[in-house]
C-alpha atoms as a PDB file:
ATOM      1  CA  UNK A   1      60.462 -34.056 -35.819  1.00  0.00           C
ATOM      2  CA  UNK A   2      58.490 -36.744 -33.953  1.00  0.00           C
ATOM      3  CA  UNK A   3      59.579 -35.352 -30.699  1.00  0.00           C
ATOM      4  CA  UNK A   4      58.404 -32.048 -31.538  1.00  0.00           C
ATOM      5  CA  UNK A   5      54.786 -33.274 -32.893  1.00  0.00           C
ATOM      6  CA  UNK A   6      54.480 -35.267 -29.662  1.00  0.00           C
ATOM      7  CA  UNK A   7      55.106 -32.194 -27.749  1.00  0.00           C
ATOM      8  CA  UNK A   8      52.423 -30.316 -29.587  1.00  0.00           C
ATOM      9  CA  UNK A   9      49.928 -33.011 -28.926  1.00  0.00           C
ATOM     10  CA  UNK A  10      50.476 -32.847 -25.203  1.00  0.00           C
ATOM     11  CA  UNK A  11      49.932 -29.102 -25.108  1.00  0.00           C
ATOM     12  CA  UNK A  12      46.751 -29.565 -26.970  1.00  0.00           C
ATOM     13  CA  UNK A  13      45.350 -32.107 -24.500  1.00  0.00           C
ATOM     14  CA  UNK A  14      45.640 -29.313 -21.804  1.00  0.00           C
ATOM     15  CA  UNK A  15      43.398 -26.552 -23.759  1.00  0.00           C
ATOM     16  CA  UNK A  16      40.441 -27.689 -21.709  1.00  0.00           C
ATOM     17  CA  UNK A  17      41.907 -26.131 -18.838  1.00  0.00           C
ATOM     18  CA  UNK A  18      41.378 -22.660 -20.360  1.00  0.00           C
ATOM     19  CA  UNK A  19      37.702 -23.142 -20.829  1.00  0.00           C
ATOM     20  CA  UNK A  20      37.386 -24.741 -17.266  1.00  0.00           C
ATOM     21  CA  UNK A  21      38.999 -21.787 -15.687  1.00  0.00           C
ATOM     22  CA  UNK A  22      36.713 -19.327 -17.571  1.00  0.00           C
ATOM     23  CA  UNK A  23      33.678 -21.271 -16.528  1.00  0.00           C
ATOM     24  CA  UNK A  24      34.814 -21.306 -12.721  1.00  0.00           C
ATOM     25  CA  UNK A  25      35.666 -17.494 -13.048  1.00  0.00           C
ATOM     26  CA  UNK A  26      31.860 -16.857 -14.310  1.00  0.00           C
ATOM     27  CA  UNK A  27      30.296 -19.122 -11.693  1.00  0.00           C
ATOM     28  CA  UNK A  28      32.330 -17.119  -9.108  1.00  0.00           C
ATOM     29  CA  UNK A  29      31.195 -13.968 -10.275  1.00  0.00           C
ATOM     30  CA  UNK A  30      27.499 -15.164 -10.369  1.00  0.00           C
ATOM     31  CA  UNK A  31      27.824 -15.983  -6.522  1.00  0.00           C
ATOM     32  CA  UNK A  32      29.371 -12.647  -5.754  1.00  0.00           C
ATOM     33  CA  UNK A  33      26.564 -10.926  -7.856  1.00  0.00           C
ATOM     34  CA  UNK A  34      23.832 -13.061  -5.837  1.00  0.00           C
ATOM     35  CA  UNK A  35      25.418 -12.505  -2.366  1.00  0.00           C
ATOM     36  CA  UNK A  36      25.511  -8.663  -3.212  1.00  0.00           C
ATOM     37  CA  UNK A  37      21.919  -8.680  -4.445  1.00  0.00           C
ATOM     38  CA  UNK A  38      20.921 -10.180  -1.252  1.00  0.00           C
ATOM     39  CA  UNK A  39      22.227  -7.480   0.761  1.00  0.00           C
ATOM     40  CA  UNK A  40      20.591  -4.699  -1.281  1.00  0.00           C
ATOM     41  CA  UNK A  41      17.001  -3.180  -0.559  1.00  0.00           C
ATOM     42  CA  UNK A  42      13.922  -4.550  -2.178  1.00  0.00           C
ATOM     43  CA  UNK A  43      13.836  -1.931  -4.760  1.00  0.00           C
ATOM     44  CA  UNK A  44      17.675  -2.376  -5.665  1.00  0.00           C
ATOM     45  CA  UNK A  45      17.031  -6.111  -5.922  1.00  0.00           C
ATOM     46  CA  UNK A  46      14.059  -5.541  -8.109  1.00  0.00           C
ATOM     47  CA  UNK A  47      15.993  -3.325 -10.591  1.00  0.00           C
ATOM     48  CA  UNK A  48      18.876  -5.605 -10.787  1.00  0.00           C
ATOM     49  CA  UNK A  49      16.468  -8.631 -11.265  1.00  0.00           C
ATOM     50  CA  UNK A  50      15.053  -6.605 -14.323  1.00  0.00           C
ATOM     51  CA  UNK A  51      18.334  -5.487 -15.558  1.00  0.00           C
ATOM     52  CA  UNK A  52      19.712  -9.143 -15.721  1.00  0.00           C
ATOM     53  CA  UNK A  53      16.566 -10.623 -17.326  1.00  0.00           C
ATOM     54  CA  UNK A  54      16.972  -7.769 -20.040  1.00  0.00           C
ATOM     55  CA  UNK A  55      20.444  -8.575 -20.526  1.00  0.00           C
ATOM     56  CA  UNK A  56      19.451 -12.201 -21.220  1.00  0.00           C
ATOM     57  CA  UNK A  57      16.991 -11.357 -23.750  1.00  0.00           C
ATOM     58  CA  UNK A  58      13.962 -12.321 -21.537  1.00  0.00           C
ATOM     59  CA  UNK A  59      10.871 -10.147 -22.055  1.00  0.00           C
ATOM     60  CA  UNK A  60       8.890  -9.192 -18.765  1.00  0.00           C
ATOM     61  CA  UNK A  61       5.176  -9.486 -18.639  1.00  0.00           C
ATOM     62  CA  UNK A  62       3.280  -6.868 -20.295  1.00  0.00           C
ATOM     63  CA  UNK A  63      -0.085  -5.152 -19.615  1.00  0.00           C
ATOM     64  CA  UNK A  64      -3.121  -6.160 -21.607  1.00  0.00           C
ATOM     65  CA  UNK A  65      -6.910  -5.667 -21.366  1.00  0.00           C
ATOM     66  CA  UNK A  66      -8.158  -9.193 -19.821  1.00  0.00           C
ATOM     67  CA  UNK A  67      -5.458 -11.049 -17.632  1.00  0.00           C
ATOM     68  CA  UNK A  68      -6.216 -14.626 -16.392  1.00  0.00           C
ATOM     69  CA  UNK A  69      -6.978 -14.553 -12.699  1.00  0.00           C
ATOM     70  CA  UNK A  70      -5.413 -17.924 -12.208  1.00  0.00           C
ATOM     71  CA  UNK A  71      -2.221 -16.968 -13.873  1.00  0.00           C
ATOM     72  CA  UNK A  72       0.770 -16.530 -11.448  1.00  0.00           C
ATOM     73  CA  UNK A  73       3.414 -15.423 -14.253  1.00  0.00           C
ATOM     74  CA  UNK A  74       3.749 -15.622 -17.949  1.00  0.00           C
ATOM     75  CA  UNK A  75       4.469 -19.555 -18.508  1.00  0.00           C
ATOM     76  CA  UNK A  76       2.601 -20.232 -15.213  1.00  0.00           C
ATOM     77  CA  UNK A  77       5.764 -20.854 -13.239  1.00  0.00           C
ATOM     78  CA  UNK A  78       5.446 -20.612  -9.184  1.00  0.00           C
ATOM     79  CA  UNK A  79       6.449 -17.526  -7.561  1.00  0.00           C
ATOM     80  CA  UNK A  80      10.153 -17.588  -6.638  1.00  0.00           C
ATOM     81  CA  UNK A  81      11.387 -17.031  -2.892  1.00  0.00           C
ATOM     82  CA  UNK A  82      12.959 -13.889  -4.099  1.00  0.00           C
ATOM     83  CA  UNK A  83       9.571 -12.516  -5.720  1.00  0.00           C
ATOM     84  CA  UNK A  84       7.881 -13.757  -2.733  1.00  0.00           C
ATOM     85  CA  UNK A  85      10.159 -11.915  -0.185  1.00  0.00           C
ATOM     86  CA  UNK A  86       9.969  -8.679  -2.179  1.00  0.00           C
ATOM     87  CA  UNK A  87       6.265  -8.858  -2.210  1.00  0.00           C
ATOM     88  CA  UNK A  88       6.346  -9.487   1.633  1.00  0.00           C
ATOM     89  CA  UNK A  89       8.263  -6.342   2.218  1.00  0.00           C
ATOM     90  CA  UNK A  90       5.848  -4.251   0.036  1.00  0.00           C
ATOM     91  CA  UNK A  91       2.909  -5.650   2.082  1.00  0.00           C
ATOM     92  CA  UNK A  92       4.610  -4.547   5.171  1.00  0.00           C
ATOM     93  CA  UNK A  93       5.386  -0.970   3.930  1.00  0.00           C
ATOM     94  CA  UNK A  94       1.862  -0.813   2.767  1.00  0.00           C
ATOM     95  CA  UNK A  95       0.317  -1.895   6.087  1.00  0.00           C
ATOM     96  CA  UNK A  96       2.627   0.586   7.891  1.00  0.00           C
ATOM     97  CA  UNK A  97       1.408   3.644   5.371  1.00  0.00           C
ATOM     98  CA  UNK A  98      -2.266   2.317   6.009  1.00  0.00           C
ATOM     99  CA  UNK A  99      -1.850   2.549   9.924  1.00  0.00           C
ATOM    100  CA  UNK A 100      -2.004   6.329   9.371  1.00  0.00           C
ATOM    101  CA  UNK A 101      -5.574   6.120   8.026  1.00  0.00           C
ATOM    102  CA  UNK A 102      -8.512   4.943  10.199  1.00  0.00           C
ATOM    103  CA  UNK A 103     -10.782   2.892   8.471  1.00  0.00           C
ATOM    104  CA  UNK A 104      -8.653   3.128   5.198  1.00  0.00           C
ATOM    105  CA  UNK A 105     -10.976   0.708   3.195  1.00  0.00           C
ATOM    106  CA  UNK A 106      -7.676  -1.178   2.235  1.00  0.00           C
ATOM    107  CA  UNK A 107      -6.884  -4.666   2.670  1.00  0.00           C
ATOM    108  CA  UNK A 108      -3.891  -6.750   1.483  1.00  0.00           C
ATOM    109  CA  UNK A 109      -3.373 -10.143   0.857  1.00  0.00           C
ATOM    110  CA  UNK A 110      -0.365 -12.195  -0.703  1.00  0.00           C
ATOM    111  CA  UNK A 111      -1.490 -15.027  -2.924  1.00  0.00           C
ATOM    112  CA  UNK A 112      -0.221 -17.132  -6.097  1.00  0.00           C
ATOM    113  CA  UNK A 113      -1.099 -14.156  -8.483  1.00  0.00           C
ATOM    114  CA  UNK A 114       0.793 -11.616  -6.214  1.00  0.00           C
ATOM    115  CA  UNK A 115       0.244  -9.017  -3.696  1.00  0.00           C
ATOM    116  CA  UNK A 116      -3.626  -8.123  -3.959  1.00  0.00           C
ATOM    117  CA  UNK A 117      -4.306  -4.691  -2.571  1.00  0.00           C
ATOM    118  CA  UNK A 118      -8.060  -4.466  -2.293  1.00  0.00           C
ATOM    119  CA  UNK A 119      -9.932  -1.081  -2.287  1.00  0.00           C
ATOM    120  CA  UNK A 120     -13.419  -1.332  -0.792  1.00  0.00           C
ATOM    121  CA  UNK A 121     -15.921   0.242  -3.094  1.00  0.00           C
ATOM    122  CA  UNK A 122     -18.311   1.249  -0.293  1.00  0.00           C
ATOM    123  CA  UNK A 123     -15.491   3.566   0.887  1.00  0.00           C
ATOM    124  CA  UNK A 124     -13.808   4.587  -2.643  1.00  0.00           C
ATOM    125  CA  UNK A 125     -16.791   5.282  -4.774  1.00  0.00           C
ATOM    126  CA  UNK A 126     -20.464   6.309  -4.519  1.00  0.00           C
ATOM    127  CA  UNK A 127     -23.009   3.515  -5.251  1.00  0.00           C
ATOM    128  CA  UNK A 128     -23.358   3.136  -9.207  1.00  0.00           C
ATOM    129  CA  UNK A 129     -20.553   5.566  -9.557  1.00  0.00           C
ATOM    130  CA  UNK A 130     -17.070   5.179 -10.847  1.00  0.00           C
ATOM    131  CA  UNK A 131     -15.491   8.342  -9.606  1.00  0.00           C
ATOM    132  CA  UNK A 132     -13.174   8.087  -6.693  1.00  0.00           C
ATOM    133  CA  UNK A 133     -14.404   9.527  -3.477  1.00  0.00           C
ATOM    134  CA  UNK A 134     -12.257  13.013  -2.830  1.00  0.00           C
ATOM    135  CA  UNK A 135     -12.181  11.645   0.895  1.00  0.00           C
ATOM    136  CA  UNK A 136     -10.074   8.797  -0.138  1.00  0.00           C
ATOM    137  CA  UNK A 137      -7.721  10.274  -2.393  1.00  0.00           C
ATOM    138  CA  UNK A 138      -5.050  10.595   0.471  1.00  0.00           C
ATOM    139  CA  UNK A 139      -5.293   6.848   1.077  1.00  0.00           C
ATOM    140  CA  UNK A 140      -4.831   6.426  -2.654  1.00  0.00           C
ATOM    141  CA  UNK A 141      -2.125   8.669  -2.745  1.00  0.00           C
ATOM    142  CA  UNK A 142      -0.322   6.627   0.124  1.00  0.00           C
ATOM    143  CA  UNK A 143      -0.904   3.355  -1.766  1.00  0.00           C
ATOM    144  CA  UNK A 144       0.527   4.805  -4.898  1.00  0.00           C
ATOM    145  CA  UNK A 145       3.647   6.246  -3.150  1.00  0.00           C
ATOM    146  CA  UNK A 146       4.500   2.787  -2.263  1.00  0.00           C
ATOM    147  CA  UNK A 147       3.934   1.183  -5.652  1.00  0.00           C
ATOM    148  CA  UNK A 148       5.855   4.056  -7.231  1.00  0.00           C
ATOM    149  CA  UNK A 149       9.242   2.951  -9.010  1.00  0.00           C
ATOM    150  CA  UNK A 150       8.577  -0.801  -8.956  1.00  0.00           C
ATOM    151  CA  UNK A 151       9.278  -2.558 -11.926  1.00  0.00           C
ATOM    152  CA  UNK A 152       6.602  -5.269 -11.350  1.00  0.00           C
ATOM    153  CA  UNK A 153       3.781  -5.880 -13.927  1.00  0.00           C
ATOM    154  CA  UNK A 154       0.458  -4.695 -12.316  1.00  0.00           C
ATOM    155  CA  UNK A 155      -3.303  -5.581 -12.728  1.00  0.00           C
ATOM    156  CA  UNK A 156      -6.243  -3.357 -11.678  1.00  0.00           C
ATOM    157  CA  UNK A 157      -9.385  -5.500 -11.715  1.00  0.00           C
ATOM    158  CA  UNK A 158     -12.734  -4.141 -10.843  1.00  0.00           C
ATOM    159  CA  UNK A 159     -15.460  -6.262  -9.039  1.00  0.00           C
ATOM    160  CA  UNK A 160     -19.201  -5.760  -8.066  1.00  0.00           C
ATOM    161  CA  UNK A 161     -21.820  -7.414  -6.403  1.00  0.00           C
ATOM    162  CA  UNK A 162     -24.887  -9.404  -7.945  1.00  0.00           C
ATOM    163  CA  UNK A 163     -27.461  -6.914  -7.887  1.00  0.00           C
ATOM    164  CA  UNK A 164     -28.175  -5.563 -11.314  1.00  0.00           C
ATOM    165  CA  UNK A 165     -27.895  -1.827 -11.825  1.00  0.00           C
ATOM    166  CA  UNK A 166     -30.739   0.255 -13.052  1.00  0.00           C
ATOM    167  CA  UNK A 167     -29.156   3.747 -13.753  1.00  0.00           C
ATOM    168  CA  UNK A 168     -28.685   5.010 -17.159  1.00  0.00           C
ATOM    169  CA  UNK A 169     -24.963   5.776 -16.630  1.00  0.00           C
ATOM    170  CA  UNK A 170     -23.963   2.093 -17.063  1.00  0.00           C
ATOM    171  CA  UNK A 171     -25.397  -0.760 -18.798  1.00  0.00           C
ATOM    172  CA  UNK A 172     -24.550  -3.153 -16.420  1.00  0.00           C
ATOM    173  CA  UNK A 173     -22.025  -4.456 -13.630  1.00  0.00           C
ATOM    174  CA  UNK A 174     -19.596  -5.172 -16.227  1.00  0.00           C
ATOM    175  CA  UNK A 175     -19.251  -1.727 -17.561  1.00  0.00           C
ATOM    176  CA  UNK A 176     -19.314  -0.435 -13.795  1.00  0.00           C
ATOM    177  CA  UNK A 177     -16.532  -2.770 -12.719  1.00  0.00           C
ATOM    178  CA  UNK A 178     -14.318  -1.939 -15.537  1.00  0.00           C
ATOM    179  CA  UNK A 179     -14.935   1.964 -15.190  1.00  0.00           C
ATOM    180  CA  UNK A 180     -13.848   1.848 -11.479  1.00  0.00           C
ATOM    181  CA  UNK A 181     -10.781  -0.182 -12.500  1.00  0.00           C
ATOM    182  CA  UNK A 182      -9.883   2.290 -15.025  1.00  0.00           C
ATOM    183  CA  UNK A 183     -10.490   5.350 -12.564  1.00  0.00           C
ATOM    184  CA  UNK A 184      -7.860   3.675 -10.253  1.00  0.00           C
ATOM    185  CA  UNK A 185      -5.488   2.746 -13.275  1.00  0.00           C
ATOM    186  CA  UNK A 186      -5.513   6.369 -14.398  1.00  0.00           C
ATOM    187  CA  UNK A 187      -4.744   7.834 -11.021  1.00  0.00           C
ATOM    188  CA  UNK A 188      -1.844   5.480 -10.660  1.00  0.00           C
ATOM    189  CA  UNK A 189      -0.502   6.843 -14.227  1.00  0.00           C
ATOM    190  CA  UNK A 190      -1.113  10.409 -13.242  1.00  0.00           C
ATOM    191  CA  UNK A 191       0.542  10.284  -9.681  1.00  0.00           C
ATOM    192  CA  UNK A 192       3.279   7.761 -10.259  1.00  0.00           C
ATOM    193  CA  UNK A 193       6.164   7.246 -12.620  1.00  0.00           C
ATOM    194  CA  UNK A 194       4.795   3.772 -13.600  1.00  0.00           C
ATOM    195  CA  UNK A 195       4.875   3.159 -17.471  1.00  0.00           C
ATOM    196  CA  UNK A 196       1.564   2.274 -19.068  1.00  0.00           C
ATOM    197  CA  UNK A 197       3.035  -0.924 -20.410  1.00  0.00           C
ATOM    198  CA  UNK A 198       3.453  -2.371 -16.587  1.00  0.00           C
ATOM    199  CA  UNK A 199      -0.389  -2.106 -16.291  1.00  0.00           C
ATOM    200  CA  UNK A 200      -3.254  -4.357 -17.247  1.00  0.00           C
ATOM    201  CA  UNK A 201      -7.145  -3.618 -16.805  1.00  0.00           C
ATOM    202  CA  UNK A 202      -9.821  -5.753 -16.207  1.00  0.00           C
ATOM    203  CA  UNK A 203     -13.469  -5.504 -15.373  1.00  0.00           C
ATOM    204  CA  UNK A 204     -15.287  -8.905 -13.987  1.00  0.00           C
ATOM    205  CA  UNK A 205     -18.552  -7.400 -12.976  1.00  0.00           C
ATOM    206  CA  UNK A 206     -20.164 -10.030 -10.326  1.00  0.00           C
ATOM    207  CA  UNK A 207     -17.851 -12.702 -11.230  1.00  0.00           C
ATOM    208  CA  UNK A 208     -15.128 -14.068  -8.869  1.00  0.00           C
ATOM    209  CA  UNK A 209     -16.959 -13.063  -5.468  1.00  0.00           C
ATOM    210  CA  UNK A 210     -15.159 -13.162  -2.364  1.00  0.00           C
ATOM    211  CA  UNK A 211     -18.191 -13.562  -0.011  1.00  0.00           C
ATOM    212  CA  UNK A 212     -21.767 -14.493  -0.270  1.00  0.00           C
ATOM    213  CA  UNK A 213     -24.148 -12.141  -2.077  1.00  0.00           C
ATOM    214  CA  UNK A 214     -27.017 -13.075  -0.013  1.00  0.00           C
ATOM    215  CA  UNK A 215     -26.319 -10.549   2.506  1.00  0.00           C
ATOM    216  CA  UNK A 216     -25.427  -6.803   2.677  1.00  0.00           C
ATOM    217  CA  UNK A 217     -21.974  -7.463   4.475  1.00  0.00           C
ATOM    218  CA  UNK A 218     -21.154 -10.188   1.757  1.00  0.00           C
ATOM    219  CA  UNK A 219     -22.177  -7.828  -1.257  1.00  0.00           C
ATOM    220  CA  UNK A 220     -20.058  -5.011   0.350  1.00  0.00           C
ATOM    221  CA  UNK A 221     -16.951  -7.395   0.423  1.00  0.00           C
ATOM    222  CA  UNK A 222     -17.674  -8.311  -3.510  1.00  0.00           C
ATOM    223  CA  UNK A 223     -17.698  -4.545  -4.474  1.00  0.00           C
ATOM    224  CA  UNK A 224     -14.051  -3.746  -4.854  1.00  0.00           C
ATOM    225  CA  UNK A 225     -10.877  -2.649  -7.009  1.00  0.00           C
ATOM    226  CA  UNK A 226      -7.996  -5.053  -6.842  1.00  0.00           C
ATOM    227  CA  UNK A 227      -4.398  -3.629  -7.603  1.00  0.00           C
ATOM    228  CA  UNK A 228      -2.388  -6.941  -7.976  1.00  0.00           C
ATOM    229  CA  UNK A 229       1.107  -6.388  -7.851  1.00  0.00           C
ATOM    230  CA  UNK A 230       2.394  -9.393  -9.823  1.00  0.00           C
ATOM    231  CA  UNK A 231       5.775 -11.238  -9.181  1.00  0.00           C
ATOM    232  CA  UNK A 232       8.591 -10.371 -11.635  1.00  0.00           C
ATOM    233  CA  UNK A 233       8.236 -12.573 -14.470  1.00  0.00           C
ATOM    234  CA  UNK A 234      11.204 -14.622 -15.878  1.00  0.00           C
ATOM    235  CA  UNK A 235       9.829 -15.733 -18.937  1.00  0.00           C
END
């Protein structure tokens, strides 16, 4: 009897091997998945990333009415290398698409906020107006085509210069900047498959200028609508 009990204790002491083997198997599967993702296209990587986050119960960043400009992701974490590579690839695709249009009025910059696609208001809108110029619709179509199908959160932000407006259509630059951003946002919703909860809207008026308002050249740079492609959030 004592011999049998001793044998049972020996078997029990090795049960940790089962858990260890399970852990090694899961770790191997994770490395295989990461390798497979690295060999896929940017779009496939984005979709796989979102699927993994959803499976782990992580909620993606949702749209809102006033995002914070300094925020890089929900929780404020720095952009991951995978997210930066994805946005860099998108920037290259957009640059290639814009090369077909002379003076497209579109510029791009990769920042901590994400990929900022800036639409010059001087080309996309008439003075004091929020209706997109018909001549620029093919350009905006080309931008929308590159953004379509992506799972990133987006911000559409409107900006003006510091010169007060005096027409009766908009009370001030705040309303004008928000109206222009709304026009671009609604165009994206109408011409892509992007769901509404991936998009956020903000109108900043004359705030956050990118150039001096003392010259016409500077004011022209400040009048813009930015489509910000945010990095995929993990928390």
